[in-house]
């Protein structure tokens, strides 16, 4: 289900949050009222990032 906004001369289709979740400031907003899916996605991203850092071959500590 999509909603459509009518602007003179422009037709823009807006997707509902249930169709396509929105990621803003690292948090995923979807139709669920629970944060479990967002927490799982964040953990997976963190694990992937840490694996990439481990494989990078940088010597010593990585400081920001």
PDB file of N, CA and C in Angstrom:
ATOM      1  N   UNK A   1       0.843  -1.173   0.000  1.00  0.00           N
ATOM      2  CA  UNK A   1       0.000   0.000   0.000  1.00  0.00           C
ATOM      3  C   UNK A   1       0.889   1.236   0.000  1.00  0.00           C
ATOM      4  N   UNK A   2       0.704   2.106  -0.939  1.00  0.00           N
ATOM      5  CA  UNK A   2       1.483   3.333  -1.038  1.00  0.00           C
ATOM      6  C   UNK A   2       0.541   4.524  -0.998  1.00  0.00           C
ATOM      7  N   UNK A   3       1.083   5.630  -0.583  1.00  0.00           N
ATOM      8  CA  UNK A   3       0.316   6.867  -0.624  1.00  0.00           C
ATOM      9  C   UNK A   3       0.962   7.761  -1.665  1.00  0.00           C
ATOM     10  N   UNK A   4       0.170   8.594  -2.265  1.00  0.00           N
ATOM     11  CA  UNK A   4       0.703   9.470  -3.289  1.00  0.00           C
ATOM     12  C   UNK A   4       0.335  10.901  -2.963  1.00  0.00           C
ATOM     13  N   UNK A   5       1.319  11.780  -3.031  1.00  0.00           N
ATOM     14  CA  UNK A   5       1.107  13.200  -2.767  1.00  0.00           C
ATOM     15  C   UNK A   5       0.967  13.913  -4.101  1.00  0.00           C
ATOM     16  N   UNK A   6      -0.021  14.740  -4.207  1.00  0.00           N
ATOM     17  CA  UNK A   6      -0.223  15.505  -5.434  1.00  0.00           C
ATOM     18  C   UNK A   6       0.313  16.922  -5.245  1.00  0.00           C
ATOM     19  N   UNK A   7       1.388  17.229  -5.972  1.00  0.00           N
ATOM     20  CA  UNK A   7       1.970  18.563  -5.995  1.00  0.00           C
ATOM     21  C   UNK A   7       1.845  19.031  -7.438  1.00  0.00           C
ATOM     22  N   UNK A   8       1.424  20.252  -7.651  1.00  0.00           N
ATOM     23  CA  UNK A   8       1.265  20.723  -9.022  1.00  0.00           C
ATOM     24  C   UNK A   8       2.535  20.518  -9.850  1.00  0.00           C
ATOM     25  N   UNK A   9       2.429  19.725 -10.902  1.00  0.00           N
ATOM     26  CA  UNK A   9       3.544  19.480 -11.796  1.00  0.00           C
ATOM     27  C   UNK A   9       4.483  18.362 -11.362  1.00  0.00           C
ATOM     28  N   UNK A  10       4.317  17.832 -10.158  1.00  0.00           N
ATOM     29  CA  UNK A  10       5.210  16.786  -9.650  1.00  0.00           C
ATOM     30  C   UNK A  10       4.365  15.684  -9.022  1.00  0.00           C
ATOM     31  N   UNK A  11       4.701  14.457  -9.340  1.00  0.00           N
ATOM     32  CA  UNK A  11       4.034  13.330  -8.716  1.00  0.00           C
ATOM     33  C   UNK A  11       5.075  12.518  -7.957  1.00  0.00           C
ATOM     34  N   UNK A  12       4.993  12.520  -6.664  1.00  0.00           N
ATOM     35  CA  UNK A  12       5.961  11.820  -5.815  1.00  0.00           C
ATOM     36  C   UNK A  12       5.238  10.725  -5.054  1.00  0.00           C
ATOM     37  N   UNK A  13       5.783   9.530  -5.142  1.00  0.00           N
ATOM     38  CA  UNK A  13       5.200   8.412  -4.432  1.00  0.00           C
ATOM     39  C   UNK A  13       5.954   8.219  -3.124  1.00  0.00           C
ATOM     40  N   UNK A  14       5.205   8.182  -2.027  1.00  0.00           N
ATOM     41  CA  UNK A  14       5.815   7.967  -0.729  1.00  0.00           C
ATOM     42  C   UNK A  14       5.509   6.546  -0.277  1.00  0.00           C
ATOM     43  N   UNK A  15       6.544   5.820   0.122  1.00  0.00           N
ATOM     44  CA  UNK A  15       6.342   4.481   0.636  1.00  0.00           C
ATOM     45  C   UNK A  15       6.010   4.548   2.116  1.00  0.00           C
ATOM     46  N   UNK A  16       5.166   3.634   2.539  1.00  0.00           N
ATOM     47  CA  UNK A  16       4.861   3.542   3.954  1.00  0.00           C
ATOM     48  C   UNK A  16       6.020   2.885   4.675  1.00  0.00           C
ATOM     49  N   UNK A  17       6.141   3.163   5.952  1.00  0.00           N
ATOM     50  CA  UNK A  17       7.245   2.611   6.731  1.00  0.00           C
ATOM     51  C   UNK A  17       7.149   1.088   6.808  1.00  0.00           C
ATOM     52  N   UNK A  18       5.954   0.540   6.621  1.00  0.00           N
ATOM     53  CA  UNK A  18       5.799  -0.922   6.618  1.00  0.00           C
ATOM     54  C   UNK A  18       6.346  -1.535   5.329  1.00  0.00           C
ATOM     55  N   UNK A  19       6.425  -0.748   4.257  1.00  0.00           N
ATOM     56  CA  UNK A  19       6.953  -1.237   2.987  1.00  0.00           C
ATOM     57  C   UNK A  19       8.473  -1.153   2.936  1.00  0.00           C
ATOM     58  N   UNK A  20       9.021  -0.050   3.415  1.00  0.00           N
ATOM     59  CA  UNK A  20      10.466   0.147   3.377  1.00  0.00           C
ATOM     60  C   UNK A  20      10.898   0.858   4.663  1.00  0.00           C
ATOM     61  N   UNK A  21      11.545   0.119   5.574  1.00  0.00           N
ATOM     62  CA  UNK A  21      12.001   0.743   6.820  1.00  0.00           C
ATOM     63  C   UNK A  21      12.963   1.895   6.550  1.00  0.00           C
ATOM     64  N   UNK A  22      12.981   2.854   7.449  1.00  0.00           N
ATOM     65  CA  UNK A  22      13.811   4.041   7.325  1.00  0.00           C
ATOM     66  C   UNK A  22      14.935   3.966   8.349  1.00  0.00           C
ATOM     67  N   UNK A  23      16.169   4.246   7.924  1.00  0.00           N
ATOM     68  CA  UNK A  23      17.300   4.265   8.840  1.00  0.00           C
ATOM     69  C   UNK A  23      17.725   5.706   9.045  1.00  0.00           C
ATOM     70  N   UNK A  24      17.714   6.144  10.292  1.00  0.00           N
ATOM     71  CA  UNK A  24      18.088   7.502  10.613  1.00  0.00           C
ATOM     72  C   UNK A  24      18.924   7.496  11.883  1.00  0.00           C
ATOM     73  N   UNK A  25      20.079   8.119  11.831  1.00  0.00           N
ATOM     74  CA  UNK A  25      20.988   8.199  12.970  1.00  0.00           C
ATOM     75  C   UNK A  25      21.311   6.824  13.539  1.00  0.00           C
ATOM     76  N   UNK A  26      21.446   5.841  12.652  1.00  0.00           N
ATOM     77  CA  UNK A  26      21.835   4.502  13.069  1.00  0.00           C
ATOM     78  C   UNK A  26      20.711   3.641  13.583  1.00  0.00           C
ATOM     79  N   UNK A  27      19.503   4.164  13.667  1.00  0.00           N
ATOM     80  CA  UNK A  27      18.358   3.392  14.146  1.00  0.00           C
ATOM     81  C   UNK A  27      17.424   3.128  12.980  1.00  0.00           C
ATOM     82  N   UNK A  28      16.912   1.904  12.919  1.00  0.00           N
ATOM     83  CA  UNK A  28      15.990   1.532  11.858  1.00  0.00           C
ATOM     84  C   UNK A  28      14.571   1.677  12.387  1.00  0.00           C
ATOM     85  N   UNK A  29      13.779   2.462  11.684  1.00  0.00           N
ATOM     86  CA  UNK A  29      12.380   2.651  12.056  1.00  0.00           C
ATOM     87  C   UNK A  29      11.522   1.835  11.099  1.00  0.00           C
ATOM     88  N   UNK A  30      10.727   0.923  11.656  1.00  0.00           N
ATOM     89  CA  UNK A  30       9.832   0.110  10.840  1.00  0.00           C
ATOM     90  C   UNK A  30       8.461   0.064  11.511  1.00  0.00           C
ATOM     91  N   UNK A  31       7.564  -0.750  10.995  1.00  0.00           N
ATOM     92  CA  UNK A  31       6.199  -0.775  11.503  1.00  0.00           C
ATOM     93  C   UNK A  31       6.092  -1.465  12.862  1.00  0.00           C
ATOM     94  N   UNK A  32       7.133  -2.183  13.264  1.00  0.00           N
ATOM     95  CA  UNK A  32       7.125  -2.859  14.553  1.00  0.00           C
ATOM     96  C   UNK A  32       7.345  -1.839  15.666  1.00  0.00           C
ATOM     97  N   UNK A  33       6.671  -2.050  16.773  1.00  0.00           N
ATOM     98  CA  UNK A  33       6.864  -1.156  17.907  1.00  0.00           C
ATOM     99  C   UNK A  33       7.982  -1.637  18.823  1.00  0.00           C
ATOM    100  N   UNK A  34       8.595  -2.762  18.474  1.00  0.00           N
ATOM    101  CA  UNK A  34       9.667  -3.316  19.297  1.00  0.00           C
ATOM    102  C   UNK A  34      11.016  -3.007  18.648  1.00  0.00           C
ATOM    103  N   UNK A  35      12.040  -2.900  19.474  1.00  0.00           N
ATOM    104  CA  UNK A  35      13.378  -2.579  18.989  1.00  0.00           C
ATOM    105  C   UNK A  35      14.225  -3.812  18.713  1.00  0.00           C
ATOM    106  N   UNK A  36      13.674  -5.009  18.850  1.00  0.00           N
ATOM    107  CA  UNK A  36      14.488  -6.216  18.715  1.00  0.00           C
ATOM    108  C   UNK A  36      15.099  -6.347  17.326  1.00  0.00           C
ATOM    109  N   UNK A  37      14.357  -6.047  16.289  1.00  0.00           N
ATOM    110  CA  UNK A  37      14.891  -6.139  14.929  1.00  0.00           C
ATOM    111  C   UNK A  37      16.005  -5.121  14.722  1.00  0.00           C
ATOM    112  N   UNK A  38      15.833  -3.920  15.248  1.00  0.00           N
ATOM    113  CA  UNK A  38      16.848  -2.882  15.130  1.00  0.00           C
ATOM    114  C   UNK A  38      18.114  -3.268  15.892  1.00  0.00           C
ATOM    115  N   UNK A  39      17.948  -3.854  17.061  1.00  0.00           N
ATOM    116  CA  UNK A  39      19.096  -4.275  17.865  1.00  0.00           C
ATOM    117  C   UNK A  39      19.859  -5.388  17.161  1.00  0.00           C
ATOM    118  N   UNK A  40      19.134  -6.346  16.591  1.00  0.00           N
ATOM    119  CA  UNK A  40      19.787  -7.435  15.860  1.00  0.00           C
ATOM    120  C   UNK A  40      20.546  -6.910  14.645  1.00  0.00           C
ATOM    121  N   UNK A  41      19.944  -5.990  13.910  1.00  0.00           N
ATOM    122  CA  UNK A  41      20.601  -5.417  12.733  1.00  0.00           C
ATOM    123  C   UNK A  41      21.851  -4.644  13.135  1.00  0.00           C
ATOM    124  N   UNK A  42      21.778  -3.897  14.231  1.00  0.00           N
ATOM    125  CA  UNK A  42      22.932  -3.140  14.709  1.00  0.00           C
ATOM    126  C   UNK A  42      24.054  -4.074  15.132  1.00  0.00           C
ATOM    127  N   UNK A  43      23.705  -5.163  15.818  1.00  0.00           N
ATOM    128  CA  UNK A  43      24.716  -6.139  16.232  1.00  0.00           C
ATOM    129  C   UNK A  43      25.392  -6.783  15.029  1.00  0.00           C
ATOM    130  N   UNK A  44      24.624  -7.094  13.995  1.00  0.00           N
ATOM    131  CA  UNK A  44      25.197  -7.694  12.787  1.00  0.00           C
ATOM    132  C   UNK A  44      26.137  -6.714  12.086  1.00  0.00           C
ATOM    133  N   UNK A  45      25.740  -5.446  12.012  1.00  0.00           N
ATOM    134  CA  UNK A  45      26.602  -4.433  11.411  1.00  0.00           C
ATOM    135  C   UNK A  45      27.889  -4.269  12.206  1.00  0.00           C
ATOM    136  N   UNK A  46      27.781  -4.287  13.527  1.00  0.00           N
ATOM    137  CA  UNK A  46      28.959  -4.148  14.378  1.00  0.00           C
ATOM    138  C   UNK A  46      29.904  -5.327  14.200  1.00  0.00           C
ATOM    139  N   UNK A  47      29.355  -6.544  14.162  1.00  0.00           N
ATOM    140  CA  UNK A  47      30.188  -7.729  13.962  1.00  0.00           C
ATOM    141  C   UNK A  47      30.906  -7.675  12.616  1.00  0.00           C
ATOM    142  N   UNK A  48      30.197  -7.234  11.582  1.00  0.00           N
ATOM    143  CA  UNK A  48      30.807  -7.123  10.255  1.00  0.00           C
ATOM    144  C   UNK A  48      31.911  -6.067  10.262  1.00  0.00           C
ATOM    145  N   UNK A  49      31.668  -4.954  10.919  1.00  0.00           N
ATOM    146  CA  UNK A  49      32.671  -3.895  10.990  1.00  0.00           C
ATOM    147  C   UNK A  49      33.906  -4.362  11.753  1.00  0.00           C
ATOM    148  N   UNK A  50      33.694  -5.036  12.895  1.00  0.00           N
ATOM    149  CA  UNK A  50      34.822  -5.531  13.678  1.00  0.00           C
ATOM    150  C   UNK A  50      35.625  -6.578  12.910  1.00  0.00           C
ATOM    151  N   UNK A  51      34.947  -7.428  12.146  1.00  0.00           N
ATOM    152  CA  UNK A  51      35.650  -8.417  11.327  1.00  0.00           C
ATOM    153  C   UNK A  51      36.491  -7.717  10.260  1.00  0.00           C
ATOM    154  N   UNK A  52      35.967  -6.653   9.675  1.00  0.00           N
ATOM    155  CA  UNK A  52      36.707  -5.896   8.671  1.00  0.00           C
ATOM    156  C   UNK A  52      37.944  -5.248   9.282  1.00  0.00           C
ATOM    157  N   UNK A  53      37.802  -4.706  10.484  1.00  0.00           N
ATOM    158  CA  UNK A  53      38.939  -4.085  11.165  1.00  0.00           C
ATOM    159  C   UNK A  53      39.983  -5.138  11.497  1.00  0.00           C
ATOM    160  N   UNK A  54      39.548  -6.308  11.957  1.00  0.00           N
ATOM    161  CA  UNK A  54      40.488  -7.384  12.283  1.00  0.00           C
ATOM    162  C   UNK A  54      41.267  -7.837  11.057  1.00  0.00           C
ATOM    163  N   UNK A  55      40.626  -7.867   9.902  1.00  0.00           N
ATOM    164  CA  UNK A  55      41.270  -8.323   8.671  1.00  0.00           C
ATOM    165  C   UNK A  55      42.115  -7.236   8.000  1.00  0.00           C
ATOM    166  N   UNK A  56      42.016  -5.996   8.475  1.00  0.00           N
ATOM    167  CA  UNK A  56      42.690  -4.887   7.803  1.00  0.00           C
ATOM    168  C   UNK A  56      44.198  -4.923   7.954  1.00  0.00           C
ATOM    169  N   UNK A  57      44.709  -5.617   8.957  1.00  0.00           N
ATOM    170  CA  UNK A  57      46.149  -5.721   9.152  1.00  0.00           C
ATOM    171  C   UNK A  57      46.775  -4.492   9.772  1.00  0.00           C
ATOM    172  N   UNK A  58      45.988  -3.643  10.393  1.00  0.00           N
ATOM    173  CA  UNK A  58      46.540  -2.467  11.058  1.00  0.00           C
ATOM    174  C   UNK A  58      47.301  -2.906  12.308  1.00  0.00           C
ATOM    175  N   UNK A  59      48.509  -2.405  12.499  1.00  0.00           N
ATOM    176  CA  UNK A  59      49.270  -2.790  13.684  1.00  0.00           C
ATOM    177  C   UNK A  59      48.811  -2.028  14.928  1.00  0.00           C
ATOM    178  N   UNK A  60      48.821  -2.682  16.058  1.00  0.00           N
ATOM    179  CA  UNK A  60      48.536  -2.041  17.327  1.00  0.00           C
ATOM    180  C   UNK A  60      47.098  -1.609  17.479  1.00  0.00           C
ATOM    181  N   UNK A  61      46.896  -0.666  18.403  1.00  0.00           N
ATOM    182  CA  UNK A  61      45.565  -0.157  18.677  1.00  0.00           C
ATOM    183  C   UNK A  61      45.115   0.789  17.560  1.00  0.00           C
ATOM    184  N   UNK A  62      43.835   0.775  17.314  1.00  0.00           N
ATOM    185  CA  UNK A  62      43.249   1.725  16.369  1.00  0.00           C
ATOM    186  C   UNK A  62      42.613   2.812  17.200  1.00  0.00           C
ATOM    187  N   UNK A  63      43.112   4.029  17.068  1.00  0.00           N
ATOM    188  CA  UNK A  63      42.569   5.137  17.848  1.00  0.00           C
ATOM    189  C   UNK A  63      41.801   6.088  16.946  1.00  0.00           C
ATOM    190  N   UNK A  64      40.712   6.593  17.489  1.00  0.00           N
ATOM    191  CA  UNK A  64      39.882   7.510  16.718  1.00  0.00           C
ATOM    192  C   UNK A  64      40.379   8.926  16.850  1.00  0.00           C
TER     193      UNK A  64
END
